[in-house]
Amino acid sequence: MHMPTFGAIVATVAALTLWAGPVQADAIGSACTGGPPESTKVVVMNDWLPVTQQAPLWEAKHKGFYKDEGLDVELIAPANSGDPIKLVAMKRVNFSITYVPEIMISQEMTIPVVSVATLLQKISSGLLYLPENDIKTAADLKGKVLGVGVKRDAQAYLASVLEAGGLKRKDVKVVDPGWGQIPLLLAGKIDVAHALTFSEQLTLTGRLKKQGRPPAKILLYSDYGVPPFYYTVLAANRDWLKDNPQTTCRFLKATKKGLKSVLANPEPVITFVTKARPGALTMDENWAKWNGHKDLYPGKGGHFLQQDQGTWDAAQAWALKRKLVNAPVGPASQYFTNAYLPKQ
């Protein structure tokens, strides 16, 4: 089945919503009065089926932290990659896990979404390749077959790497690997693939280890012109936030408690994720994934969930350069708010 492009999805949502003006990066907790939640039922759309990256939310649910705040939280998976932005914009869900580029693209298309918190605080993706491949820097990609999908952010990451290596698009061959990055790499059909360090790189390394081969290697995007902005963020509809400030404050308070709890003892959530997707990843593989990204939760000064103006400024400047957005629709502070975060 042909999946709709992100651009087509946001264009559809834009036709159904009206932009009500910029959202400012308010002071931490400024919207939180300690009052009761306006809505007790909260639906959160994750970015995928249960995975370790969602651990703070699963921990908060299973440990009763949301319940303690008077909330009945349901965590659901998207049917396709465009659903998290689309459904939160349409208020079909209250929060969704999404990504920095999607927030910026959506706002340019007048979709009223805003990031209320960050989970994983730094992108950790790049171009993955086999250890025996003669690639050491971006310049070595010349003449290679690159497996990079059609998503606009992935293509923008690639453009940054090529520019850093002094290469043009014509110097490489780019193909869409779909979900077959690892088989295509192992079969020699592609030389590199768009991948996450704590996902595809770990999986490929595990397969190579079984063959007695060295670990897989990766050219990190953040080493080649892509600023280290946030990887995953929690998005909400701006108008829903205005009507439900205390629900949001309580939701984020419990999520932060879940994050601290799972960092102290991740075993229950890793066991849950493994059982929730039988046959997907083994317990050892989920432990490896967790260990690969657990250090990405703390941000500047060791703060959790909190967002920084400078990080969004850098992301916006990069997005403009790479034509992810065509013109600034305002200051980068409109993309996020800290107003609903717990103060401590």
C-alpha atoms as a PDB file:
ATOM      1  CA  MET A   1       0.000   0.000   0.000  1.00  0.00           C
ATOM      2  CA  HIS A   2       1.330   3.410  -0.939  1.00  0.00           C
ATOM      3  CA  MET A   3       1.924   5.554   2.137  1.00  0.00           C
ATOM      4  CA  PRO A   4       1.033   9.261   1.896  1.00  0.00           C
ATOM      5  CA  THR A   5       3.975  11.644   2.030  1.00  0.00           C
ATOM      6  CA  PHE A   6       4.408  13.864   5.060  1.00  0.00           C
ATOM      7  CA  GLY A   7       3.820  16.918   2.850  1.00  0.00           C
ATOM      8  CA  ALA A   8       0.500  15.540   1.625  1.00  0.00           C
ATOM      9  CA  ILE A   9      -0.592  14.754   5.176  1.00  0.00           C
ATOM     10  CA  VAL A  10       0.209  18.182   6.584  1.00  0.00           C
ATOM     11  CA  ALA A  11      -1.439  19.874   3.593  1.00  0.00           C
ATOM     12  CA  THR A  12      -4.622  17.966   4.364  1.00  0.00           C
ATOM     13  CA  VAL A  13      -4.489  18.913   8.036  1.00  0.00           C
ATOM     14  CA  ALA A  14      -3.772  22.548   7.185  1.00  0.00           C
ATOM     15  CA  ALA A  15      -7.024  22.681   5.277  1.00  0.00           C
ATOM     16  CA  LEU A  16      -8.841  21.636   8.456  1.00  0.00           C
ATOM     17  CA  THR A  17      -7.162  23.983  10.923  1.00  0.00           C
ATOM     18  CA  LEU A  18      -6.366  27.670  11.340  1.00  0.00           C
ATOM     19  CA  TRP A  19      -3.139  29.059  12.733  1.00  0.00           C
ATOM     20  CA  ALA A  20      -3.748  31.255  15.738  1.00  0.00           C
ATOM     21  CA  GLY A  21      -0.347  32.920  16.047  1.00  0.00           C
ATOM     22  CA  PRO A  22       3.094  32.088  17.415  1.00  0.00           C
ATOM     23  CA  VAL A  23       3.731  30.170  20.605  1.00  0.00           C
ATOM     24  CA  GLN A  24       6.412  31.661  22.793  1.00  0.00           C
ATOM     25  CA  ALA A  25       9.005  29.725  24.791  1.00  0.00           C
ATOM     26  CA  ASP A  26       7.440  30.593  28.129  1.00  0.00           C
ATOM     27  CA  ALA A  27       9.173  30.322  31.481  1.00  0.00           C
ATOM     28  CA  ILE A  28       9.363  26.860  33.003  1.00  0.00           C
ATOM     29  CA  GLY A  29       6.113  25.917  34.681  1.00  0.00           C
ATOM     30  CA  SER A  30       4.496  29.317  34.146  1.00  0.00           C
ATOM     31  CA  ALA A  31       1.180  27.730  33.154  1.00  0.00           C
ATOM     32  CA  CYS A  32       1.067  25.345  36.111  1.00  0.00           C
ATOM     33  CA  THR A  33      -1.115  26.455  39.027  1.00  0.00           C
ATOM     34  CA  GLY A  34      -1.534  23.089  40.742  1.00  0.00           C
ATOM     35  CA  GLY A  35      -5.227  23.035  39.943  1.00  0.00           C
ATOM     36  CA  PRO A  36      -7.182  19.952  38.888  1.00  0.00           C
ATOM     37  CA  PRO A  37      -6.903  18.605  35.350  1.00  0.00           C
ATOM     38  CA  GLU A  38      -9.410  20.026  32.880  1.00  0.00           C
ATOM     39  CA  SER A  39      -9.553  16.630  31.135  1.00  0.00           C
ATOM     40  CA  THR A  40      -8.841  13.352  32.873  1.00  0.00           C
ATOM     41  CA  LYS A  41      -8.699  11.168  29.747  1.00  0.00           C
ATOM     42  CA  VAL A  42      -5.445  11.620  27.787  1.00  0.00           C
ATOM     43  CA  VAL A  43      -4.495   9.827  24.583  1.00  0.00           C
ATOM     44  CA  VAL A  44      -0.840   9.776  23.539  1.00  0.00           C
ATOM     45  CA  MET A  45       0.304   8.575  20.132  1.00  0.00           C
ATOM     46  CA  ASN A  46       3.801   7.120  20.251  1.00  0.00           C
ATOM     47  CA  ASP A  47       6.123   7.248  17.270  1.00  0.00           C
ATOM     48  CA  TRP A  48       5.964   3.479  16.740  1.00  0.00           C
ATOM     49  CA  LEU A  49       5.025   0.194  18.361  1.00  0.00           C
ATOM     50  CA  PRO A  50       6.422  -0.200  21.904  1.00  0.00           C
ATOM     51  CA  VAL A  51      10.169   0.497  21.865  1.00  0.00           C
ATOM     52  CA  THR A  52      12.688   1.407  24.530  1.00  0.00           C
ATOM     53  CA  GLN A  53      12.769   5.068  23.432  1.00  0.00           C
ATOM     54  CA  GLN A  54       9.236   5.434  24.827  1.00  0.00           C
ATOM     55  CA  ALA A  55      10.281   4.043  28.212  1.00  0.00           C
ATOM     56  CA  PRO A  56       9.458   7.152  30.327  1.00  0.00           C
ATOM     57  CA  LEU A  57       5.819   7.069  29.212  1.00  0.00           C
ATOM     58  CA  TRP A  58       5.379   3.322  29.703  1.00  0.00           C
ATOM     59  CA  GLU A  59       7.033   3.564  33.122  1.00  0.00           C
ATOM     60  CA  ALA A  60       4.739   6.408  34.176  1.00  0.00           C
ATOM     61  CA  LYS A  61       1.693   4.437  33.069  1.00  0.00           C
ATOM     62  CA  HIS A  62       2.687   1.108  34.611  1.00  0.00           C
ATOM     63  CA  LYS A  63       3.854   2.644  37.891  1.00  0.00           C
ATOM     64  CA  GLY A  64       0.619   4.631  38.267  1.00  0.00           C
ATOM     65  CA  PHE A  65       2.258   8.049  38.054  1.00  0.00           C
ATOM     66  CA  TYR A  66      -0.363   9.316  35.599  1.00  0.00           C
ATOM     67  CA  LYS A  67      -3.119   7.921  37.789  1.00  0.00           C
ATOM     68  CA  ASP A  68      -1.607   9.739  40.762  1.00  0.00           C
ATOM     69  CA  GLU A  69      -2.112  12.987  38.831  1.00  0.00           C
ATOM     70  CA  GLY A  70      -5.763  12.194  38.183  1.00  0.00           C
ATOM     71  CA  LEU A  71      -5.167  11.131  34.586  1.00  0.00           C
ATOM     72  CA  ASP A  72      -6.257   8.089  32.630  1.00  0.00           C
ATOM     73  CA  VAL A  73      -3.535   7.889  29.959  1.00  0.00           C
ATOM     74  CA  GLU A  74      -3.771   5.644  26.921  1.00  0.00           C
ATOM     75  CA  LEU A  75      -0.631   5.058  24.838  1.00  0.00           C
ATOM     76  CA  ILE A  76      -1.303   4.052  21.246  1.00  0.00           C
ATOM     77  CA  ALA A  77       0.804   3.283  18.169  1.00  0.00           C
ATOM     78  CA  PRO A  78       0.398   5.051  14.807  1.00  0.00           C
ATOM     79  CA  ALA A  79      -0.951   3.258  11.756  1.00  0.00           C
ATOM     80  CA  ASN A  80       1.599   5.076   9.608  1.00  0.00           C
ATOM     81  CA  SER A  81       4.466   7.516  10.032  1.00  0.00           C
ATOM     82  CA  GLY A  82       2.342  10.606   9.371  1.00  0.00           C
ATOM     83  CA  ASP A  83      -0.248   9.940  12.053  1.00  0.00           C
ATOM     84  CA  PRO A  84       1.493  11.486  15.103  1.00  0.00           C
ATOM     85  CA  ILE A  85       1.530  14.998  13.621  1.00  0.00           C
ATOM     86  CA  LYS A  86      -1.747  14.669  11.748  1.00  0.00           C
ATOM     87  CA  LEU A  87      -3.836  13.355  14.626  1.00  0.00           C
ATOM     88  CA  VAL A  88      -2.452  15.678  17.301  1.00  0.00           C
ATOM     89  CA  ALA A  89      -3.095  18.634  14.987  1.00  0.00           C
ATOM     90  CA  MET A  90      -6.684  17.479  14.507  1.00  0.00           C
ATOM     91  CA  LYS A  91      -7.072  16.926  18.292  1.00  0.00           C
ATOM     92  CA  ARG A  92      -7.766  13.253  17.691  1.00  0.00           C
ATOM     93  CA  VAL A  93      -4.973  12.577  20.201  1.00  0.00           C
ATOM     94  CA  ASN A  94      -3.729  14.910  22.916  1.00  0.00           C
ATOM     95  CA  PHE A  95       0.016  14.387  22.660  1.00  0.00           C
ATOM     96  CA  SER A  96       2.292  12.647  20.201  1.00  0.00           C
ATOM     97  CA  ILE A  97       5.937  11.728  19.978  1.00  0.00           C
ATOM     98  CA  THR A  98       7.374  13.383  16.903  1.00  0.00           C
ATOM     99  CA  TYR A  99      10.527  15.101  15.607  1.00  0.00           C
ATOM    100  CA  VAL A 100      11.946  18.589  15.306  1.00  0.00           C
ATOM    101  CA  PRO A 101      11.728  18.816  11.476  1.00  0.00           C
ATOM    102  CA  GLU A 102       8.050  17.828  11.566  1.00  0.00           C
ATOM    103  CA  ILE A 103       7.275  20.603  14.051  1.00  0.00           C
ATOM    104  CA  MET A 104       8.928  23.194  11.797  1.00  0.00           C
ATOM    105  CA  ILE A 105       7.366  21.913   8.563  1.00  0.00           C
ATOM    106  CA  SER A 106       3.933  21.771  10.171  1.00  0.00           C
ATOM    107  CA  GLN A 107       4.055  25.307  11.489  1.00  0.00           C
ATOM    108  CA  GLU A 108       5.100  26.620   8.082  1.00  0.00           C
ATOM    109  CA  MET A 109       1.967  24.957   6.696  1.00  0.00           C
ATOM    110  CA  THR A 110      -0.150  26.745   9.364  1.00  0.00           C
ATOM    111  CA  ILE A 111      -0.730  23.625  11.437  1.00  0.00           C
ATOM    112  CA  PRO A 112      -1.051  24.611  15.147  1.00  0.00           C
ATOM    113  CA  VAL A 113       1.341  22.146  16.764  1.00  0.00           C
ATOM    114  CA  VAL A 114       3.999  22.964  19.334  1.00  0.00           C
ATOM    115  CA  SER A 115       6.625  20.964  21.201  1.00  0.00           C
ATOM    116  CA  VAL A 116       5.902  20.866  24.939  1.00  0.00           C
ATOM    117  CA  ALA A 117       8.875  18.733  26.000  1.00  0.00           C
ATOM    118  CA  THR A 118      11.828  16.837  24.618  1.00  0.00           C
ATOM    119  CA  LEU A 119      12.573  13.190  25.339  1.00  0.00           C
ATOM    120  CA  LEU A 120      15.784  12.161  23.562  1.00  0.00           C
ATOM    121  CA  GLN A 121      17.801  15.356  23.533  1.00  0.00           C
ATOM    122  CA  LYS A 122      20.135  14.799  20.569  1.00  0.00           C
ATOM    123  CA  ILE A 123      19.785  13.282  17.135  1.00  0.00           C
ATOM    124  CA  SER A 124      21.831  10.114  16.931  1.00  0.00           C
ATOM    125  CA  SER A 125      21.576   9.091  13.309  1.00  0.00           C
ATOM    126  CA  GLY A 126      23.800   9.000  10.277  1.00  0.00           C
ATOM    127  CA  LEU A 127      24.966   6.917   7.339  1.00  0.00           C
ATOM    128  CA  LEU A 128      25.611   3.305   8.318  1.00  0.00           C
ATOM    129  CA  TYR A 129      28.092   1.031   6.525  1.00  0.00           C
ATOM    130  CA  LEU A 130      29.936  -2.264   6.803  1.00  0.00           C
ATOM    131  CA  PRO A 131      33.319  -2.190   8.570  1.00  0.00           C
ATOM    132  CA  GLU A 132      35.261  -3.309   5.486  1.00  0.00           C
ATOM    133  CA  ASN A 133      33.895  -0.499   3.334  1.00  0.00           C
ATOM    134  CA  ASP A 134      36.543   2.093   2.420  1.00  0.00           C
ATOM    135  CA  ILE A 135      34.710   5.018   4.004  1.00  0.00           C
ATOM    136  CA  LYS A 136      36.377   7.234   6.570  1.00  0.00           C
ATOM    137  CA  THR A 137      34.915  10.678   5.838  1.00  0.00           C
ATOM    138  CA  ALA A 138      32.056  12.183   3.868  1.00  0.00           C
ATOM    139  CA  ALA A 139      34.329  12.688   0.874  1.00  0.00           C
ATOM    140  CA  ASP A 140      34.667   8.901   0.582  1.00  0.00           C
ATOM    141  CA  LEU A 141      30.996   8.629  -0.381  1.00  0.00           C
ATOM    142  CA  LYS A 142      31.849   9.605  -3.957  1.00  0.00           C
ATOM    143  CA  GLY A 143      30.649   6.920  -6.335  1.00  0.00           C
ATOM    144  CA  LYS A 144      28.776   5.032  -3.605  1.00  0.00           C
ATOM    145  CA  VAL A 145      25.175   3.843  -3.562  1.00  0.00           C
ATOM    146  CA  LEU A 146      23.376   5.543  -0.686  1.00  0.00           C
ATOM    147  CA  GLY A 147      20.224   4.070   0.826  1.00  0.00           C
ATOM    148  CA  VAL A 148      18.304   7.118   2.010  1.00  0.00           C
ATOM    149  CA  GLY A 149      14.500   7.318   1.987  1.00  0.00           C
ATOM    150  CA  VAL A 150      12.373  10.024   0.468  1.00  0.00           C
ATOM    151  CA  LYS A 151      11.436  11.790   3.713  1.00  0.00           C
ATOM    152  CA  ARG A 152      12.398  15.433   3.519  1.00  0.00           C
ATOM    153  CA  ASP A 153      14.415  15.422   6.742  1.00  0.00           C
ATOM    154  CA  ALA A 154      16.459  12.370   5.684  1.00  0.00           C
ATOM    155  CA  GLN A 155      17.232  14.003   2.347  1.00  0.00           C
ATOM    156  CA  ALA A 156      18.230  17.213   4.149  1.00  0.00           C
ATOM    157  CA  TYR A 157      20.590  15.271   6.426  1.00  0.00           C
ATOM    158  CA  LEU A 158      22.145  13.706   3.334  1.00  0.00           C
ATOM    159  CA  ALA A 159      22.568  17.096   1.671  1.00  0.00           C
ATOM    160  CA  SER A 160      24.517  18.329   4.702  1.00  0.00           C
ATOM    161  CA  VAL A 161      26.851  15.336   4.594  1.00  0.00           C
ATOM    162  CA  LEU A 162      27.469  15.669   0.856  1.00  0.00           C
ATOM    163  CA  GLU A 163      28.234  19.368   1.184  1.00  0.00           C
ATOM    164  CA  ALA A 164      30.641  18.682   4.044  1.00  0.00           C
ATOM    165  CA  GLY A 165      32.433  16.160   1.828  1.00  0.00           C
ATOM    166  CA  GLY A 166      32.662  18.568  -1.091  1.00  0.00           C
ATOM    167  CA  LEU A 167      30.291  16.388  -3.118  1.00  0.00           C
ATOM    168  CA  LYS A 168      27.327  17.041  -5.389  1.00  0.00           C
ATOM    169  CA  ARG A 169      24.242  14.879  -5.753  1.00  0.00           C
ATOM    170  CA  LYS A 170      25.547  13.669  -9.111  1.00  0.00           C
ATOM    171  CA  ASP A 171      28.633  12.248  -7.365  1.00  0.00           C
ATOM    172  CA  VAL A 172      26.551   9.538  -5.666  1.00  0.00           C
ATOM    173  CA  LYS A 173      23.593   7.297  -6.441  1.00  0.00           C
ATOM    174  CA  VAL A 174      20.689   7.635  -3.998  1.00  0.00           C
ATOM    175  CA  VAL A 175      18.063   4.886  -3.695  1.00  0.00           C
ATOM    176  CA  ASP A 176      15.139   4.373  -1.324  1.00  0.00           C
ATOM    177  CA  PRO A 177      15.865   1.255   0.778  1.00  0.00           C
ATOM    178  CA  GLY A 178      12.436   1.176   2.397  1.00  0.00           C
ATOM    179  CA  TRP A 179      12.767  -0.911   5.572  1.00  0.00           C
ATOM    180  CA  GLY A 180      15.481  -3.104   4.066  1.00  0.00           C
ATOM    181  CA  GLN A 181      18.605  -1.170   5.007  1.00  0.00           C
ATOM    182  CA  ILE A 182      20.356  -4.036   6.772  1.00  0.00           C
ATOM    183  CA  PRO A 183      19.638  -6.810   4.216  1.00  0.00           C
ATOM    184  CA  LEU A 184      20.637  -4.458   1.396  1.00  0.00           C
ATOM    185  CA  LEU A 185      23.890  -3.537   3.146  1.00  0.00           C
ATOM    186  CA  LEU A 186      24.741  -7.181   3.825  1.00  0.00           C
ATOM    187  CA  ALA A 187      23.955  -8.118   0.217  1.00  0.00           C
ATOM    188  CA  GLY A 188      26.161  -5.333  -1.147  1.00  0.00           C
ATOM    189  CA  LYS A 189      23.227  -3.674  -2.921  1.00  0.00           C
ATOM    190  CA  ILE A 190      23.897  -0.373  -1.155  1.00  0.00           C
ATOM    191  CA  ASP A 191      27.065   0.995   0.416  1.00  0.00           C
ATOM    192  CA  VAL A 192      25.562   3.137   3.196  1.00  0.00           C
ATOM    193  CA  ALA A 193      22.117   3.585   4.722  1.00  0.00           C
ATOM    194  CA  HIS A 194      20.288   6.196   6.766  1.00  0.00           C
ATOM    195  CA  ALA A 195      20.166   4.706  10.279  1.00  0.00           C
ATOM    196  CA  LEU A 196      20.043   5.258  14.035  1.00  0.00           C
ATOM    197  CA  THR A 197      23.025   4.406  16.209  1.00  0.00           C
ATOM    198  CA  PHE A 198      20.869   2.692  18.827  1.00  0.00           C
ATOM    199  CA  SER A 199      18.703   0.823  16.328  1.00  0.00           C
ATOM    200  CA  GLU A 200      19.973  -0.255  12.906  1.00  0.00           C
ATOM    201  CA  GLN A 201      23.649   0.139  13.829  1.00  0.00           C
ATOM    202  CA  LEU A 202      23.204  -2.106  16.867  1.00  0.00           C
ATOM    203  CA  THR A 203      21.205  -4.662  14.887  1.00  0.00           C
ATOM    204  CA  LEU A 204      23.758  -4.800  12.099  1.00  0.00           C
ATOM    205  CA  THR A 205      26.628  -5.007  14.579  1.00  0.00           C
ATOM    206  CA  GLY A 206      24.903  -7.926  16.285  1.00  0.00           C
ATOM    207  CA  ARG A 207      24.627  -9.820  13.000  1.00  0.00           C
ATOM    208  CA  LEU A 208      28.232  -9.096  12.112  1.00  0.00           C
ATOM    209  CA  LYS A 209      29.386 -10.282  15.532  1.00  0.00           C
ATOM    210  CA  LYS A 210      27.759 -13.652  14.923  1.00  0.00           C
ATOM    211  CA  GLN A 211      29.859 -13.904  11.768  1.00  0.00           C
ATOM    212  CA  GLY A 212      33.053 -13.011  13.623  1.00  0.00           C
ATOM    213  CA  ARG A 213      33.261  -9.621  11.912  1.00  0.00           C
ATOM    214  CA  PRO A 214      34.022  -6.143  13.357  1.00  0.00           C
ATOM    215  CA  PRO A 215      31.156  -3.806  14.321  1.00  0.00           C
ATOM    216  CA  ALA A 216      29.291  -1.646  11.840  1.00  0.00           C
ATOM    217  CA  LYS A 217      30.385   1.966  11.380  1.00  0.00           C
ATOM    218  CA  ILE A 218      28.458   5.189  10.919  1.00  0.00           C
ATOM    219  CA  LEU A 219      29.038   8.760   9.743  1.00  0.00           C
ATOM    220  CA  LEU A 220      27.042  10.810  12.235  1.00  0.00           C
ATOM    221  CA  TYR A 221      25.013  13.635  10.739  1.00  0.00           C
ATOM    222  CA  SER A 222      25.951  15.845  13.679  1.00  0.00           C
ATOM    223  CA  ASP A 223      29.596  15.579  12.604  1.00  0.00           C
ATOM    224  CA  TYR A 224      28.770  16.843   9.125  1.00  0.00           C
ATOM    225  CA  GLY A 225      26.817  20.057   9.349  1.00  0.00           C
ATOM    226  CA  VAL A 226      23.587  18.981  11.076  1.00  0.00           C
ATOM    227  CA  PRO A 227      23.220  20.734  14.445  1.00  0.00           C
ATOM    228  CA  PRO A 228      22.664  18.395  17.420  1.00  0.00           C
ATOM    229  CA  PHE A 229      19.028  19.333  17.909  1.00  0.00           C
ATOM    230  CA  TYR A 230      16.495  17.177  19.743  1.00  0.00           C
ATOM    231  CA  TYR A 231      15.631  13.761  18.369  1.00  0.00           C
ATOM    232  CA  THR A 232      12.186  13.114  19.850  1.00  0.00           C
ATOM    233  CA  VAL A 233       9.765  15.680  21.262  1.00  0.00           C
ATOM    234  CA  LEU A 234       6.239  15.622  22.650  1.00  0.00           C
ATOM    235  CA  ALA A 235       3.856  17.666  20.514  1.00  0.00           C
ATOM    236  CA  ALA A 236       0.398  19.023  21.251  1.00  0.00           C
ATOM    237  CA  ASN A 237      -2.198  21.171  19.521  1.00  0.00           C
ATOM    238  CA  ARG A 238      -1.756  24.782  20.550  1.00  0.00           C
ATOM    239  CA  ASP A 239      -5.447  25.433  21.034  1.00  0.00           C
ATOM    240  CA  TRP A 240      -5.949  22.254  23.072  1.00  0.00           C
ATOM    241  CA  LEU A 241      -3.091  23.357  25.332  1.00  0.00           C
ATOM    242  CA  LYS A 242      -4.796  26.678  26.026  1.00  0.00           C
ATOM    243  CA  ASP A 243      -7.913  24.823  27.130  1.00  0.00           C
ATOM    244  CA  ASN A 244      -6.085  22.142  29.137  1.00  0.00           C
ATOM    245  CA  PRO A 245      -3.073  23.700  30.879  1.00  0.00           C
ATOM    246  CA  GLN A 246      -3.350  21.752  34.140  1.00  0.00           C
ATOM    247  CA  THR A 247      -3.904  18.457  32.324  1.00  0.00           C
ATOM    248  CA  THR A 248      -0.700  19.150  30.402  1.00  0.00           C
ATOM    249  CA  CYS A 249       1.237  20.148  33.507  1.00  0.00           C
ATOM    250  CA  ARG A 250       0.168  17.011  35.334  1.00  0.00           C
ATOM    251  CA  PHE A 251       0.915  14.810  32.324  1.00  0.00           C
ATOM    252  CA  LEU A 252       4.457  16.165  32.003  1.00  0.00           C
ATOM    253  CA  LYS A 253       5.032  15.997  35.769  1.00  0.00           C
ATOM    254  CA  ALA A 254       4.177  12.281  35.736  1.00  0.00           C
ATOM    255  CA  THR A 255       6.218  11.699  32.556  1.00  0.00           C
ATOM    256  CA  LYS A 256       9.269  13.266  34.181  1.00  0.00           C
ATOM    257  CA  LYS A 257       8.736  11.063  37.236  1.00  0.00           C
ATOM    258  CA  GLY A 258       8.544   8.065  34.904  1.00  0.00           C
ATOM    259  CA  LEU A 259      11.784   9.093  33.223  1.00  0.00           C
ATOM    260  CA  LYS A 260      13.655   9.336  36.505  1.00  0.00           C
ATOM    261  CA  SER A 261      12.188   6.030  37.639  1.00  0.00           C
ATOM    262  CA  VAL A 262      13.121   4.101  34.511  1.00  0.00           C
ATOM    263  CA  LEU A 263      16.645   5.494  34.526  1.00  0.00           C
ATOM    264  CA  ALA A 264      17.011   4.127  38.051  1.00  0.00           C
ATOM    265  CA  ASN A 265      15.638   0.692  37.116  1.00  0.00           C
ATOM    266  CA  PRO A 266      14.908   0.026  33.421  1.00  0.00           C
ATOM    267  CA  GLU A 267      14.376  -3.735  33.734  1.00  0.00           C
ATOM    268  CA  PRO A 268      10.531  -3.750  34.055  1.00  0.00           C
ATOM    269  CA  VAL A 269      10.014  -1.579  30.979  1.00  0.00           C
ATOM    270  CA  ILE A 270      12.564  -3.489  28.909  1.00  0.00           C
ATOM    271  CA  THR A 271      10.784  -6.701  29.845  1.00  0.00           C
ATOM    272  CA  PHE A 272       7.446  -5.148  28.859  1.00  0.00           C
ATOM    273  CA  VAL A 273       8.728  -3.886  25.494  1.00  0.00           C
ATOM    274  CA  THR A 274      10.213  -7.276  24.683  1.00  0.00           C
ATOM    275  CA  LYS A 275       6.987  -9.113  25.508  1.00  0.00           C
ATOM    276  CA  ALA A 276       4.819  -6.514  23.760  1.00  0.00           C
ATOM    277  CA  ARG A 277       6.501  -7.286  20.432  1.00  0.00           C
ATOM    278  CA  PRO A 278       7.322 -10.999  20.457  1.00  0.00           C
ATOM    279  CA  GLY A 279       9.847 -11.916  17.823  1.00  0.00           C
ATOM    280  CA  ALA A 280      10.823  -8.307  17.094  1.00  0.00           C
ATOM    281  CA  LEU A 281      13.861  -7.974  19.362  1.00  0.00           C
ATOM    282  CA  THR A 282      15.288 -10.203  22.045  1.00  0.00           C
ATOM    283  CA  MET A 283      15.689  -9.068  25.631  1.00  0.00           C
ATOM    284  CA  ASP A 284      19.436  -8.642  25.045  1.00  0.00           C
ATOM    285  CA  GLU A 285      18.792  -6.547  21.940  1.00  0.00           C
ATOM    286  CA  ASN A 286      16.386  -4.280  23.806  1.00  0.00           C
ATOM    287  CA  TRP A 287      18.926  -3.897  26.598  1.00  0.00           C
ATOM    288  CA  ALA A 288      21.500  -2.905  23.980  1.00  0.00           C
ATOM    289  CA  LYS A 289      19.102  -0.341  22.521  1.00  0.00           C
ATOM    290  CA  TRP A 290      18.392   1.082  25.964  1.00  0.00           C
ATOM    291  CA  ASN A 291      22.085   1.379  26.776  1.00  0.00           C
ATOM    292  CA  GLY A 292      22.570   3.070  23.413  1.00  0.00           C
ATOM    293  CA  HIS A 293      20.163   5.920  24.091  1.00  0.00           C
ATOM    294  CA  LYS A 294      19.667   6.228  27.868  1.00  0.00           C
ATOM    295  CA  ASP A 295      22.279   8.982  28.080  1.00  0.00           C
ATOM    296  CA  LEU A 296      20.322  11.090  25.567  1.00  0.00           C
ATOM    297  CA  TYR A 297      17.533  11.955  28.039  1.00  0.00           C
ATOM    298  CA  PRO A 298      19.365  14.572  30.140  1.00  0.00           C
ATOM    299  CA  GLY A 299      19.797  17.928  28.428  1.00  0.00           C
ATOM    300  CA  LYS A 300      21.845  20.990  29.264  1.00  0.00           C
ATOM    301  CA  GLY A 301      22.603  21.143  32.955  1.00  0.00           C
ATOM    302  CA  GLY A 302      21.235  17.639  33.358  1.00  0.00           C
ATOM    303  CA  HIS A 303      17.634  18.823  32.963  1.00  0.00           C
ATOM    304  CA  PHE A 304      14.955  16.457  31.693  1.00  0.00           C
ATOM    305  CA  LEU A 305      12.238  17.430  29.163  1.00  0.00           C
ATOM    306  CA  GLN A 306      13.350  21.074  29.129  1.00  0.00           C
ATOM    307  CA  GLN A 307      13.956  22.798  25.787  1.00  0.00           C
ATOM    308  CA  ASP A 308      16.496  25.437  24.918  1.00  0.00           C
ATOM    309  CA  GLN A 309      16.093  28.464  22.661  1.00  0.00           C
ATOM    310  CA  GLY A 310      19.563  28.084  21.159  1.00  0.00           C
ATOM    311  CA  THR A 311      18.893  24.511  20.087  1.00  0.00           C
ATOM    312  CA  TRP A 312      15.750  25.537  18.212  1.00  0.00           C
ATOM    313  CA  ASP A 313      17.557  28.551  16.707  1.00  0.00           C
ATOM    314  CA  ALA A 314      20.216  26.234  15.268  1.00  0.00           C
ATOM    315  CA  ALA A 315      17.580  23.801  14.007  1.00  0.00           C
ATOM    316  CA  GLN A 316      15.655  26.577  12.282  1.00  0.00           C
ATOM    317  CA  ALA A 317      18.778  28.006  10.620  1.00  0.00           C
ATOM    318  CA  TRP A 318      19.709  24.549   9.318  1.00  0.00           C
ATOM    319  CA  ALA A 319      16.153  23.864   8.101  1.00  0.00           C
ATOM    320  CA  LEU A 320      16.128  27.138   6.182  1.00  0.00           C
ATOM    321  CA  LYS A 321      19.474  26.379   4.583  1.00  0.00           C
ATOM    322  CA  ARG A 322      18.318  22.920   3.540  1.00  0.00           C
ATOM    323  CA  LYS A 323      14.916  24.149   2.296  1.00  0.00           C
ATOM    324  CA  LEU A 324      13.004  22.053   4.822  1.00  0.00           C
ATOM    325  CA  VAL A 325      11.179  25.316   5.423  1.00  0.00           C
ATOM    326  CA  ASN A 326      11.095  28.065   2.844  1.00  0.00           C
ATOM    327  CA  ALA A 327      10.991  31.116   5.072  1.00  0.00           C
ATOM    328  CA  PRO A 328      10.969  31.804   8.805  1.00  0.00           C
ATOM    329  CA  VAL A 329       7.390  32.192   9.982  1.00  0.00           C
ATOM    330  CA  GLY A 330       8.684  33.857  13.116  1.00  0.00           C
ATOM    331  CA  PRO A 331      11.344  33.373  15.802  1.00  0.00           C
ATOM    332  CA  ALA A 332      12.345  29.829  16.704  1.00  0.00           C
ATOM    333  CA  SER A 333      10.689  30.333  20.103  1.00  0.00           C
ATOM    334  CA  GLN A 334       7.332  29.682  18.412  1.00  0.00           C
ATOM    335  CA  TYR A 335       8.206  26.010  17.938  1.00  0.00           C
ATOM    336  CA  PHE A 336       8.268  25.122  21.618  1.00  0.00           C
ATOM    337  CA  THR A 337       7.174  26.021  25.101  1.00  0.00           C
ATOM    338  CA  ASN A 338       8.465  25.171  28.580  1.00  0.00           C
ATOM    339  CA  ALA A 339       5.362  26.603  30.249  1.00  0.00           C
ATOM    340  CA  TYR A 340       3.883  23.218  31.207  1.00  0.00           C
ATOM    341  CA  LEU A 341       6.990  21.553  32.608  1.00  0.00           C
ATOM    342  CA  PRO A 342       7.389  20.770  36.305  1.00  0.00           C
ATOM    343  CA  LYS A 343       9.608  23.370  37.942  1.00  0.00           C
ATOM    344  CA  GLN A 344      11.741  20.781  39.719  1.00  0.00           C
END
